[in-house]
C-alpha atoms as a PDB file:
ATOM      1  CA  MET A   1     -55.654  41.241-106.259  1.00  0.00           C
ATOM      2  CA  CYS A   2     -52.745  40.240-107.797  1.00  0.00           C
ATOM      3  CA  THR A   3     -49.529  41.382-110.308  1.00  0.00           C
ATOM      4  CA  ALA A   4     -47.875  38.962-112.760  1.00  0.00           C
ATOM      5  CA  ALA A   5     -44.773  39.555-114.671  1.00  0.00           C
ATOM      6  CA  THR A   6     -42.219  38.347-117.192  1.00  0.00           C
ATOM      7  CA  TYR A   7     -38.822  38.771-117.016  1.00  0.00           C
ATOM      8  CA  LYS A   8     -35.802  37.641-119.622  1.00  0.00           C
ATOM      9  CA  THR A   9     -31.889  37.582-119.231  1.00  0.00           C
ATOM     10  CA  LYS A  10     -29.798  34.706-119.959  1.00  0.00           C
ATOM     11  CA  ASP A  11     -33.142  32.583-118.771  1.00  0.00           C
ATOM     12  CA  PHE A  12     -36.787  33.319-118.896  1.00  0.00           C
ATOM     13  CA  TYR A  13     -38.725  33.996-115.930  1.00  0.00           C
ATOM     14  CA  PHE A  14     -42.272  33.987-114.786  1.00  0.00           C
ATOM     15  CA  GLY A  15     -44.284  35.117-111.754  1.00  0.00           C
ATOM     16  CA  ARG A  16     -46.734  37.003-109.697  1.00  0.00           C
ATOM     17  CA  THR A  17     -47.811  38.480-106.535  1.00  0.00           C
ATOM     18  CA  LEU A  18     -51.177  36.837-104.817  1.00  0.00           C
ATOM     19  CA  ASP A  19     -52.778  39.574-102.845  1.00  0.00           C
ATOM     20  CA  TYR A  20     -56.049  38.404-100.924  1.00  0.00           C
ATOM     21  CA  GLU A  21     -57.226  38.614 -97.441  1.00  0.00           C
ATOM     22  CA  PHE A  22     -56.847  35.366 -96.396  1.00  0.00           C
ATOM     23  CA  SER A  23     -54.725  32.123 -97.876  1.00  0.00           C
ATOM     24  CA  TYR A  24     -56.796  28.578 -99.172  1.00  0.00           C
ATOM     25  CA  GLY A  25     -53.575  26.779 -98.280  1.00  0.00           C
ATOM     26  CA  GLU A  26     -52.006  27.153-101.463  1.00  0.00           C
ATOM     27  CA  GLU A  27     -48.202  24.996-101.782  1.00  0.00           C
ATOM     28  CA  VAL A  28     -45.938  24.437-104.598  1.00  0.00           C
ATOM     29  CA  VAL A  29     -47.190  21.444-106.407  1.00  0.00           C
ATOM     30  CA  ILE A  30     -45.407  19.357-109.457  1.00  0.00           C
ATOM     31  CA  THR A  31     -47.579  17.392-111.401  1.00  0.00           C
ATOM     32  CA  PRO A  32     -45.664  14.553-113.102  1.00  0.00           C
ATOM     33  CA  ARG A  33     -45.720  13.509-116.930  1.00  0.00           C
ATOM     34  CA  ASN A  34     -47.904  10.600-116.053  1.00  0.00           C
ATOM     35  CA  GLU A  35     -50.530  11.633-113.862  1.00  0.00           C
ATOM     36  CA  PRO A  36     -53.489  12.056-115.347  1.00  0.00           C
ATOM     37  CA  PHE A  37     -55.060  15.437-115.710  1.00  0.00           C
ATOM     38  CA  PRO A  38     -59.150  14.512-115.669  1.00  0.00           C
ATOM     39  CA  PHE A  39     -61.380  17.090-117.555  1.00  0.00           C
ATOM     40  CA  ARG A  40     -65.332  17.419-117.214  1.00  0.00           C
ATOM     41  CA  TYR A  41     -66.057  17.763-120.795  1.00  0.00           C
ATOM     42  CA  MET A  42     -62.820  16.722-122.974  1.00  0.00           C
ATOM     43  CA  ALA A  43     -61.088  13.331-122.593  1.00  0.00           C
ATOM     44  CA  GLU A  44     -58.655  12.449-119.956  1.00  0.00           C
ATOM     45  CA  MET A  45     -55.094  14.064-120.548  1.00  0.00           C
ATOM     46  CA  PRO A  46     -53.167  10.651-119.294  1.00  0.00           C
ATOM     47  CA  HIS A  47     -49.490  12.057-120.462  1.00  0.00           C
ATOM     48  CA  HIS A  48     -48.448  15.655-120.601  1.00  0.00           C
ATOM     49  CA  PHE A  49     -45.797  17.752-120.122  1.00  0.00           C
ATOM     50  CA  ALA A  50     -44.793  17.957-116.356  1.00  0.00           C
ATOM     51  CA  VAL A  51     -45.961  21.273-114.760  1.00  0.00           C
ATOM     52  CA  ILE A  52     -44.931  23.097-111.150  1.00  0.00           C
ATOM     53  CA  GLY A  53     -46.673  25.568-109.853  1.00  0.00           C
ATOM     54  CA  MET A  54     -48.659  27.185-106.896  1.00  0.00           C
ATOM     55  CA  ALA A  55     -51.959  25.554-106.539  1.00  0.00           C
ATOM     56  CA  CYS A  56     -54.807  24.675-103.757  1.00  0.00           C
ATOM     57  CA  VAL A  57     -55.226  20.950-103.891  1.00  0.00           C
ATOM     58  CA  ALA A  58     -58.560  19.871-103.599  1.00  0.00           C
ATOM     59  CA  GLN A  59     -59.405  15.820-103.980  1.00  0.00           C
ATOM     60  CA  GLU A  60     -56.296  15.437-105.360  1.00  0.00           C
ATOM     61  CA  TYR A  61     -56.304  17.629-108.214  1.00  0.00           C
ATOM     62  CA  PRO A  62     -53.921  20.522-108.385  1.00  0.00           C
ATOM     63  CA  LEU A  63     -56.141  24.279-108.849  1.00  0.00           C
ATOM     64  CA  TYR A  64     -52.996  25.787-110.030  1.00  0.00           C
ATOM     65  CA  TYR A  65     -53.010  29.406-109.586  1.00  0.00           C
ATOM     66  CA  ASP A  66     -49.719  30.150-111.663  1.00  0.00           C
ATOM     67  CA  ALA A  67     -47.707  27.316-112.922  1.00  0.00           C
ATOM     68  CA  VAL A  68     -44.662  26.686-115.889  1.00  0.00           C
ATOM     69  CA  ASN A  69     -44.106  23.620-117.568  1.00  0.00           C
ATOM     70  CA  GLU A  70     -41.071  21.920-118.368  1.00  0.00           C
ATOM     71  CA  LYS A  71     -40.903  23.640-121.880  1.00  0.00           C
ATOM     72  CA  GLY A  72     -40.912  27.134-120.615  1.00  0.00           C
ATOM     73  CA  LEU A  73     -44.797  28.031-121.041  1.00  0.00           C
ATOM     74  CA  GLY A  74     -45.863  30.179-118.025  1.00  0.00           C
ATOM     75  CA  MET A  75     -49.547  30.765-117.004  1.00  0.00           C
ATOM     76  CA  ALA A  76     -51.175  32.815-114.382  1.00  0.00           C
ATOM     77  CA  GLY A  77     -54.791  33.395-113.712  1.00  0.00           C
ATOM     78  CA  LEU A  78     -55.456  36.697-112.164  1.00  0.00           C
ATOM     79  CA  ASN A  79     -58.836  38.199-110.656  1.00  0.00           C
ATOM     80  CA  PHE A  80     -61.200  40.013-113.179  1.00  0.00           C
ATOM     81  CA  VAL A  81     -64.161  40.379-111.277  1.00  0.00           C
ATOM     82  CA  GLY A  82     -66.894  42.266-113.078  1.00  0.00           C
ATOM     83  CA  ASN A  83     -65.708  41.581-116.735  1.00  0.00           C
ATOM     84  CA  ALA A  84     -64.922  37.606-116.859  1.00  0.00           C
ATOM     85  CA  CYS A  85     -68.057  36.026-118.441  1.00  0.00           C
ATOM     86  CA  TYR A  86     -68.021  32.235-119.149  1.00  0.00           C
ATOM     87  CA  ALA A  87     -70.499  30.067-120.943  1.00  0.00           C
ATOM     88  CA  ALA A  88     -73.086  28.397-119.126  1.00  0.00           C
ATOM     89  CA  SER A  89     -72.718  25.133-120.746  1.00  0.00           C
ATOM     90  CA  PRO A  90     -70.594  23.408-123.525  1.00  0.00           C
ATOM     91  CA  ALA A  91     -70.825  24.316-126.859  1.00  0.00           C
ATOM     92  CA  LYS A  92     -70.925  21.662-129.662  1.00  0.00           C
ATOM     93  CA  GLY A  93     -67.596  21.738-131.819  1.00  0.00           C
ATOM     94  CA  LYS A  94     -65.850  23.456-129.229  1.00  0.00           C
ATOM     95  CA  ASP A  95     -63.002  22.615-126.886  1.00  0.00           C
ATOM     96  CA  ASN A  96     -64.916  22.791-123.587  1.00  0.00           C
ATOM     97  CA  ILE A  97     -62.967  23.277-120.640  1.00  0.00           C
ATOM     98  CA  ALA A  98     -64.193  24.382-117.306  1.00  0.00           C
ATOM     99  CA  VAL A  99     -62.353  27.505-115.957  1.00  0.00           C
ATOM    100  CA  PHE A 100     -60.197  25.866-113.095  1.00  0.00           C
ATOM    101  CA  GLU A 101     -59.091  23.081-115.695  1.00  0.00           C
ATOM    102  CA  PHE A 102     -57.594  26.052-118.238  1.00  0.00           C
ATOM    103  CA  ILE A 103     -54.038  26.091-116.734  1.00  0.00           C
ATOM    104  CA  PRO A 104     -53.218  21.985-116.924  1.00  0.00           C
ATOM    105  CA  TRP A 105     -55.081  22.079-119.935  1.00  0.00           C
ATOM    106  CA  VAL A 106     -52.883  24.602-121.718  1.00  0.00           C
ATOM    107  CA  LEU A 107     -49.585  23.682-120.270  1.00  0.00           C
ATOM    108  CA  GLY A 108     -50.279  20.192-120.685  1.00  0.00           C
ATOM    109  CA  GLN A 109     -49.754  19.974-124.047  1.00  0.00           C
ATOM    110  CA  CYS A 110     -48.235  23.580-124.830  1.00  0.00           C
ATOM    111  CA  ALA A 111     -44.725  24.211-125.292  1.00  0.00           C
ATOM    112  CA  THR A 112     -44.915  27.673-126.502  1.00  0.00           C
ATOM    113  CA  VAL A 113     -47.316  30.867-126.623  1.00  0.00           C
ATOM    114  CA  LYS A 114     -47.594  30.374-130.288  1.00  0.00           C
ATOM    115  CA  GLU A 115     -49.275  26.819-129.692  1.00  0.00           C
ATOM    116  CA  ALA A 116     -51.184  28.244-126.902  1.00  0.00           C
ATOM    117  CA  GLY A 117     -52.941  30.428-129.424  1.00  0.00           C
ATOM    118  CA  ALA A 118     -53.351  27.911-131.988  1.00  0.00           C
ATOM    119  CA  LEU A 119     -55.431  25.691-129.624  1.00  0.00           C
ATOM    120  CA  LEU A 120     -57.646  28.399-127.831  1.00  0.00           C
ATOM    121  CA  ALA A 121     -58.841  29.094-131.311  1.00  0.00           C
ATOM    122  CA  LYS A 122     -61.729  26.369-130.355  1.00  0.00           C
ATOM    123  CA  ALA A 123     -61.530  26.853-126.500  1.00  0.00           C
ATOM    124  CA  ASN A 124     -65.043  27.072-124.786  1.00  0.00           C
ATOM    125  CA  LEU A 125     -64.512  28.520-121.420  1.00  0.00           C
ATOM    126  CA  VAL A 126     -67.265  26.967-118.878  1.00  0.00           C
ATOM    127  CA  GLY A 127     -68.547  28.360-115.378  1.00  0.00           C
ATOM    128  CA  LEU A 128     -68.963  25.035-114.124  1.00  0.00           C
ATOM    129  CA  PRO A 129     -67.657  25.188-110.067  1.00  0.00           C
ATOM    130  CA  PHE A 130     -64.836  22.835-108.979  1.00  0.00           C
ATOM    131  CA  ASN A 131     -67.508  21.759-106.221  1.00  0.00           C
ATOM    132  CA  GLU A 132     -70.385  23.326-104.504  1.00  0.00           C
ATOM    133  CA  GLN A 133     -67.908  24.778-102.104  1.00  0.00           C
ATOM    134  CA  MET A 134     -65.734  26.383-104.664  1.00  0.00           C
ATOM    135  CA  PRO A 135     -67.685  28.569-107.660  1.00  0.00           C
ATOM    136  CA  ALA A 136     -66.016  29.585-110.796  1.00  0.00           C
ATOM    137  CA  ALA A 137     -63.405  31.978-110.290  1.00  0.00           C
ATOM    138  CA  GLN A 138     -63.598  35.371-112.364  1.00  0.00           C
ATOM    139  CA  LEU A 139     -60.142  35.441-113.889  1.00  0.00           C
ATOM    140  CA  HIS A 140     -58.258  36.398-116.723  1.00  0.00           C
ATOM    141  CA  TRP A 141     -54.818  34.721-117.728  1.00  0.00           C
ATOM    142  CA  LEU A 142     -51.381  35.842-118.923  1.00  0.00           C
ATOM    143  CA  ILE A 143     -49.979  32.796-120.979  1.00  0.00           C
ATOM    144  CA  ALA A 144     -46.160  33.685-121.947  1.00  0.00           C
ATOM    145  CA  ASP A 145     -42.367  32.216-122.843  1.00  0.00           C
ATOM    146  CA  ARG A 146     -39.259  33.499-123.659  1.00  0.00           C
ATOM    147  CA  GLU A 147     -40.324  34.998-127.239  1.00  0.00           C
ATOM    148  CA  GLY A 148     -43.529  36.703-125.819  1.00  0.00           C
ATOM    149  CA  ALA A 149     -46.552  36.688-123.961  1.00  0.00           C
ATOM    150  CA  ILE A 150     -50.262  36.981-124.507  1.00  0.00           C
ATOM    151  CA  THR A 151     -53.464  38.040-122.539  1.00  0.00           C
ATOM    152  CA  VAL A 152     -56.705  35.718-122.455  1.00  0.00           C
ATOM    153  CA  GLU A 153     -59.892  37.094-121.361  1.00  0.00           C
ATOM    154  CA  SER A 154     -63.421  35.502-121.438  1.00  0.00           C
ATOM    155  CA  VAL A 155     -65.792  38.098-121.604  1.00  0.00           C
ATOM    156  CA  ARG A 156     -69.401  38.862-122.726  1.00  0.00           C
ATOM    157  CA  GLU A 157     -68.421  38.955-126.150  1.00  0.00           C
ATOM    158  CA  GLY A 158     -66.398  35.677-126.423  1.00  0.00           C
ATOM    159  CA  LEU A 159     -62.789  34.656-126.170  1.00  0.00           C
ATOM    160  CA  ARG A 160     -60.426  37.481-126.740  1.00  0.00           C
ATOM    161  CA  ILE A 161     -56.874  37.131-127.343  1.00  0.00           C
ATOM    162  CA  TYR A 162     -54.613  40.228-127.140  1.00  0.00           C
ATOM    163  CA  GLU A 163     -50.808  40.403-127.851  1.00  0.00           C
ATOM    164  CA  ASN A 164     -48.587  41.520-124.619  1.00  0.00           C
ATOM    165  CA  PRO A 165     -45.970  43.771-125.219  1.00  0.00           C
ATOM    166  CA  VAL A 166     -45.147  45.026-121.714  1.00  0.00           C
ATOM    167  CA  GLY A 167     -45.206  41.458-120.155  1.00  0.00           C
ATOM    168  CA  VAL A 168     -47.314  42.522-117.183  1.00  0.00           C
ATOM    169  CA  LEU A 169     -50.988  41.792-115.936  1.00  0.00           C
ATOM    170  CA  THR A 170     -52.864  42.884-113.107  1.00  0.00           C
ATOM    171  CA  ASN A 171     -57.059  42.789-112.606  1.00  0.00           C
ATOM    172  CA  ASN A 172     -59.469  45.304-113.836  1.00  0.00           C
ATOM    173  CA  PRO A 173     -60.051  47.038-116.370  1.00  0.00           C
ATOM    174  CA  PRO A 174     -59.542  44.530-119.271  1.00  0.00           C
ATOM    175  CA  PHE A 175     -56.714  44.486-120.701  1.00  0.00           C
ATOM    176  CA  GLU A 176     -57.090  46.785-123.873  1.00  0.00           C
ATOM    177  CA  GLN A 177     -57.576  49.540-121.587  1.00  0.00           C
ATOM    178  CA  GLN A 178     -54.761  48.854-119.476  1.00  0.00           C
ATOM    179  CA  MET A 179     -52.833  49.173-122.039  1.00  0.00           C
ATOM    180  CA  PHE A 180     -54.172  52.403-123.343  1.00  0.00           C
ATOM    181  CA  GLY A 181     -54.065  53.728-119.928  1.00  0.00           C
ATOM    182  CA  LEU A 182     -50.265  53.762-120.455  1.00  0.00           C
ATOM    183  CA  ASN A 183     -50.366  56.517-122.920  1.00  0.00           C
ATOM    184  CA  ASN A 184     -51.092  58.938-119.883  1.00  0.00           C
ATOM    185  CA  TYR A 185     -47.444  58.019-118.895  1.00  0.00           C
ATOM    186  CA  MET A 186     -45.604  58.352-121.900  1.00  0.00           C
ATOM    187  CA  ARG A 187     -43.097  60.898-120.531  1.00  0.00           C
ATOM    188  CA  LEU A 188     -42.133  58.921-117.431  1.00  0.00           C
ATOM    189  CA  SER A 189     -38.288  58.048-117.774  1.00  0.00           C
ATOM    190  CA  PRO A 190     -35.501  56.836-115.373  1.00  0.00           C
ATOM    191  CA  LYS A 191     -33.074  59.701-116.452  1.00  0.00           C
ATOM    192  CA  THR A 192     -33.167  63.131-114.744  1.00  0.00           C
ATOM    193  CA  PRO A 193     -35.996  65.696-116.142  1.00  0.00           C
ATOM    194  CA  GLU A 194     -35.453  68.868-118.081  1.00  0.00           C
ATOM    195  CA  ASN A 195     -37.443  71.924-117.550  1.00  0.00           C
ATOM    196  CA  LEU A 196     -39.951  72.127-119.852  1.00  0.00           C
ATOM    197  CA  PHE A 197     -42.322  74.115-117.790  1.00  0.00           C
ATOM    198  CA  SER A 198     -41.224  77.404-118.711  1.00  0.00           C
ATOM    199  CA  SER A 199     -37.660  78.881-119.975  1.00  0.00           C
ATOM    200  CA  GLU A 200     -38.694  81.732-117.936  1.00  0.00           C
ATOM    201  CA  LEU A 201     -38.376  79.860-114.687  1.00  0.00           C
ATOM    202  CA  PRO A 202     -34.848  78.870-113.845  1.00  0.00           C
ATOM    203  CA  LEU A 203     -36.666  75.210-112.499  1.00  0.00           C
ATOM    204  CA  SER A 204     -34.110  72.184-111.923  1.00  0.00           C
ATOM    205  CA  ALA A 205     -34.013  68.947-110.319  1.00  0.00           C
ATOM    206  CA  TYR A 206     -33.827  68.777-106.525  1.00  0.00           C
ATOM    207  CA  SER A 207     -33.603  65.051-106.414  1.00  0.00           C
ATOM    208  CA  ARG A 208     -32.581  61.916-107.969  1.00  0.00           C
ATOM    209  CA  GLY A 209     -35.724  60.167-109.455  1.00  0.00           C
ATOM    210  CA  MET A 210     -37.649  62.529-110.412  1.00  0.00           C
ATOM    211  CA  GLY A 211     -37.887  61.601-113.769  1.00  0.00           C
ATOM    212  CA  GLY A 212     -40.609  59.141-111.979  1.00  0.00           C
ATOM    213  CA  LEU A 213     -42.824  61.835-110.790  1.00  0.00           C
ATOM    214  CA  GLY A 214     -46.181  61.185-111.898  1.00  0.00           C
ATOM    215  CA  LEU A 215     -45.804  57.265-111.502  1.00  0.00           C
ATOM    216  CA  PRO A 216     -49.106  56.062-109.491  1.00  0.00           C
ATOM    217  CA  GLY A 217     -48.095  54.801-106.176  1.00  0.00           C
ATOM    218  CA  ASP A 218     -51.884  53.449-104.974  1.00  0.00           C
ATOM    219  CA  LEU A 219     -52.738  49.907-104.546  1.00  0.00           C
ATOM    220  CA  SER A 220     -55.271  50.287-107.392  1.00  0.00           C
ATOM    221  CA  SER A 221     -54.805  47.354-110.109  1.00  0.00           C
ATOM    222  CA  GLN A 222     -54.739  50.102-113.423  1.00  0.00           C
ATOM    223  CA  SER A 223     -51.709  51.718-111.284  1.00  0.00           C
ATOM    224  CA  ARG A 224     -49.671  48.671-110.450  1.00  0.00           C
ATOM    225  CA  PHE A 225     -50.188  47.796-114.085  1.00  0.00           C
ATOM    226  CA  VAL A 226     -48.373  51.144-114.723  1.00  0.00           C
ATOM    227  CA  ARG A 227     -45.991  50.628-112.097  1.00  0.00           C
ATOM    228  CA  ALA A 228     -44.763  47.295-112.593  1.00  0.00           C
ATOM    229  CA  ALA A 229     -44.855  48.017-116.472  1.00  0.00           C
ATOM    230  CA  PHE A 230     -42.476  50.573-116.246  1.00  0.00           C
ATOM    231  CA  THR A 231     -40.280  48.568-113.533  1.00  0.00           C
ATOM    232  CA  ARG A 232     -40.116  45.801-115.471  1.00  0.00           C
ATOM    233  CA  MET A 233     -39.383  47.584-118.975  1.00  0.00           C
ATOM    234  CA  ASN A 234     -36.799  50.048-117.322  1.00  0.00           C
ATOM    235  CA  SER A 235     -34.851  47.145-115.320  1.00  0.00           C
ATOM    236  CA  VAL A 236     -31.369  46.436-115.621  1.00  0.00           C
ATOM    237  CA  SER A 237     -29.914  43.451-114.256  1.00  0.00           C
ATOM    238  CA  GLY A 238     -26.818  41.067-114.540  1.00  0.00           C
ATOM    239  CA  CYS A 239     -26.926  37.601-116.120  1.00  0.00           C
ATOM    240  CA  THR A 240     -26.512  35.455-113.276  1.00  0.00           C
ATOM    241  CA  GLU A 241     -29.354  33.472-111.564  1.00  0.00           C
ATOM    242  CA  LYS A 242     -29.007  34.869-108.227  1.00  0.00           C
ATOM    243  CA  GLU A 243     -28.913  38.461-109.822  1.00  0.00           C
ATOM    244  CA  SER A 244     -31.975  37.857-112.340  1.00  0.00           C
ATOM    245  CA  VAL A 245     -34.104  36.440-109.102  1.00  0.00           C
ATOM    246  CA  SER A 246     -33.170  38.860-106.807  1.00  0.00           C
ATOM    247  CA  GLN A 247     -34.057  41.462-109.811  1.00  0.00           C
ATOM    248  CA  PHE A 248     -37.142  39.788-110.610  1.00  0.00           C
ATOM    249  CA  PHE A 249     -38.454  39.730-106.738  1.00  0.00           C
ATOM    250  CA  HIS A 250     -37.614  43.870-106.855  1.00  0.00           C
ATOM    251  CA  ILE A 251     -39.799  43.885-109.861  1.00  0.00           C
ATOM    252  CA  LEU A 252     -42.854  42.390-108.330  1.00  0.00           C
ATOM    253  CA  GLY A 253     -41.595  43.793-104.776  1.00  0.00           C
ATOM    254  CA  SER A 254     -42.749  47.621-106.350  1.00  0.00           C
ATOM    255  CA  VAL A 255     -46.866  46.336-106.037  1.00  0.00           C
ATOM    256  CA  GLU A 256     -46.607  44.320-103.294  1.00  0.00           C
ATOM    257  CA  GLN A 257     -49.261  44.921-100.467  1.00  0.00           C
ATOM    258  CA  GLN A 258     -48.679  45.757 -96.726  1.00  0.00           C
ATOM    259  CA  ARG A 259     -51.363  44.867 -94.333  1.00  0.00           C
ATOM    260  CA  GLY A 260     -53.469  47.745 -93.111  1.00  0.00           C
ATOM    261  CA  CYS A 261     -53.133  49.820 -96.505  1.00  0.00           C
ATOM    262  CA  CYS A 262     -55.986  48.150 -98.298  1.00  0.00           C
ATOM    263  CA  ASP A 263     -59.142  47.506 -95.795  1.00  0.00           C
ATOM    264  CA  VAL A 264     -61.495  44.723 -97.332  1.00  0.00           C
ATOM    265  CA  GLY A 265     -64.152  45.432 -94.100  1.00  0.00           C
ATOM    266  CA  ASP A 266     -64.456  43.241 -91.008  1.00  0.00           C
ATOM    267  CA  GLY A 267     -60.924  44.181 -89.420  1.00  0.00           C
ATOM    268  CA  LYS A 268     -59.413  41.977 -92.613  1.00  0.00           C
ATOM    269  CA  TYR A 269     -56.781  43.561 -94.926  1.00  0.00           C
ATOM    270  CA  GLU A 270     -55.660  42.483 -98.288  1.00  0.00           C
ATOM    271  CA  ILE A 271     -51.559  41.732 -98.559  1.00  0.00           C
ATOM    272  CA  THR A 272     -49.239  40.058-100.618  1.00  0.00           C
ATOM    273  CA  LEU A 273     -50.014  36.556 -99.741  1.00  0.00           C
ATOM    274  CA  TYR A 274     -46.900  35.361-101.737  1.00  0.00           C
ATOM    275  CA  THR A 275     -44.490  36.397-104.436  1.00  0.00           C
ATOM    276  CA  SER A 276     -43.225  34.203-107.146  1.00  0.00           C
ATOM    277  CA  CYS A 277     -40.541  33.797-109.489  1.00  0.00           C
ATOM    278  CA  CYS A 278     -40.085  30.553-111.449  1.00  0.00           C
ATOM    279  CA  ASN A 279     -36.922  30.211-114.139  1.00  0.00           C
ATOM    280  CA  ALA A 280     -39.239  28.586-116.534  1.00  0.00           C
ATOM    281  CA  SER A 281     -36.093  27.721-118.740  1.00  0.00           C
ATOM    282  CA  LYS A 282     -34.741  25.297-115.874  1.00  0.00           C
ATOM    283  CA  GLY A 283     -38.044  24.216-113.682  1.00  0.00           C
ATOM    284  CA  ILE A 284     -37.020  26.190-110.532  1.00  0.00           C
ATOM    285  CA  TYR A 285     -39.705  27.856-108.596  1.00  0.00           C
ATOM    286  CA  TYR A 286     -38.936  30.547-106.067  1.00  0.00           C
ATOM    287  CA  TYR A 287     -41.162  31.956-103.619  1.00  0.00           C
ATOM    288  CA  THR A 288     -41.614  34.049-100.454  1.00  0.00           C
ATOM    289  CA  THR A 289     -44.387  34.756 -98.171  1.00  0.00           C
ATOM    290  CA  TYR A 290     -45.623  37.826 -96.165  1.00  0.00           C
ATOM    291  CA  GLU A 291     -43.940  36.299 -93.316  1.00  0.00           C
ATOM    292  CA  ASN A 292     -41.031  34.754 -94.683  1.00  0.00           C
ATOM    293  CA  ARG A 293     -38.806  37.162 -96.821  1.00  0.00           C
ATOM    294  CA  GLN A 294     -36.195  34.692 -97.628  1.00  0.00           C
ATOM    295  CA  ILE A 295     -36.407  33.286-100.946  1.00  0.00           C
ATOM    296  CA  THR A 296     -37.436  29.232-101.176  1.00  0.00           C
ATOM    297  CA  ALA A 297     -36.628  27.270-104.143  1.00  0.00           C
ATOM    298  CA  VAL A 298     -38.215  24.029-105.453  1.00  0.00           C
ATOM    299  CA  ASP A 299     -36.507  22.712-108.679  1.00  0.00           C
ATOM    300  CA  MET A 300     -39.026  20.245-110.541  1.00  0.00           C
ATOM    301  CA  HIS A 301     -36.313  18.402-112.202  1.00  0.00           C
ATOM    302  CA  HIS A 302     -35.020  16.696-108.783  1.00  0.00           C
ATOM    303  CA  GLU A 303     -38.621  14.915-108.989  1.00  0.00           C
ATOM    304  CA  ALA A 304     -39.045  11.827-111.020  1.00  0.00           C
ATOM    305  CA  LEU A 305     -40.993  13.531-113.534  1.00  0.00           C
ATOM    306  CA  ALA A 306     -41.681  10.636-115.701  1.00  0.00           C
ATOM    307  CA  SER A 307     -43.762   9.233-112.535  1.00  0.00           C
ATOM    308  CA  THR A 308     -47.426   9.674-111.283  1.00  0.00           C
ATOM    309  CA  GLY A 309     -48.511  11.250-108.016  1.00  0.00           C
ATOM    310  CA  LEU A 310     -48.479  14.583-107.094  1.00  0.00           C
ATOM    311  CA  VAL A 311     -45.339  16.122-105.502  1.00  0.00           C
ATOM    312  CA  ARG A 312     -46.384  18.802-103.009  1.00  0.00           C
ATOM    313  CA  TYR A 313     -44.156  21.194-101.002  1.00  0.00           C
ATOM    314  CA  PRO A 314     -46.016  23.135 -98.270  1.00  0.00           C
ATOM    315  CA  LEU A 315     -45.269  26.566 -97.823  1.00  0.00           C
ATOM    316  CA  ILE A 316     -42.156  27.920 -95.651  1.00  0.00           C
ATOM    317  CA  GLN A 317     -44.216  30.502 -93.826  1.00  0.00           C
ATOM    318  CA  GLU A 318     -41.906  31.745 -91.153  1.00  0.00           C
ATOM    319  CA  GLN A 319     -38.508  33.059 -91.455  1.00  0.00           C
ATOM    320  CA  GLN A 320     -35.664  32.291 -89.202  1.00  0.00           C
ATOM    321  CA  VAL A 321     -33.923  35.350 -88.068  1.00  0.00           C
ATOM    322  CA  LYS A 322     -30.153  35.299 -87.108  1.00  0.00           C
ATOM    323  CA  MET A 323     -29.098  37.734 -84.660  1.00  0.00           C
ATOM    324  CA  GLN A 324     -25.541  38.850 -85.279  1.00  0.00           C
ATOM    325  CA  ASN A 325     -23.292  40.046 -82.076  1.00  0.00           C
END
């Protein structure tokens, strides 16, 4: 399971957690402007916006989990098991895109959420697997820029696009139900609560933070949605890069998973494999991993973005610990 979020101070930030029981060998990957994006049903895209994000590279193709392009548009795919429904074959008169091509197709040519929404008007997501060993993942997506965000879901009824006013996405249930669930928490507040129980009882707050009583603390996707939305929408930060990045990691830290708390069977546990925070305004991709809490940064503009060939950065998985005397 996963959680994605947006954040805006002086710059715009986009990132996510990837929660799973094992890794697919993901790494930070930059696709320069002139490295072609081939598509199974559509014409190849030989020139496009440069893209940086977390991906598993298979047969020299970047299977992006989350990414931003050089224009500041971000996109992330999150598990949507049981609700995602794709076309079995291409449809006439549609832009037919295999699910694994969706992020490159959008980020390669769209600079804003508005442009992405217009592009999706003719989109038909096809459940074509990348190969026999890699079936089509059941996903839905968060697409965002500094002006706003949308959630995209391909379901039995067709392709659905929702305005996302909280800038957060997790997994199930469908986004409309996730948003409706926030009604149950409308009294949550970062402020100390008043006694509304009864005027006949001298009840008082005995601890700081009691305005958040009722905020769910479990690891279910609906609870993570509520917790991340509350944390993000009540977050206060300075405007420096250091302060903004630090605050973003703390927002997603509120929904991280620890080994042992989510048992998936066979002695395996779902954990937060990595957390990302991309300064989409500047093209800097920050990340931490489960075993490495030190923030690592990759700046796409330090590479030759007008060139060809994928640029790959293996993740730094172990943290150097320095002991002070």
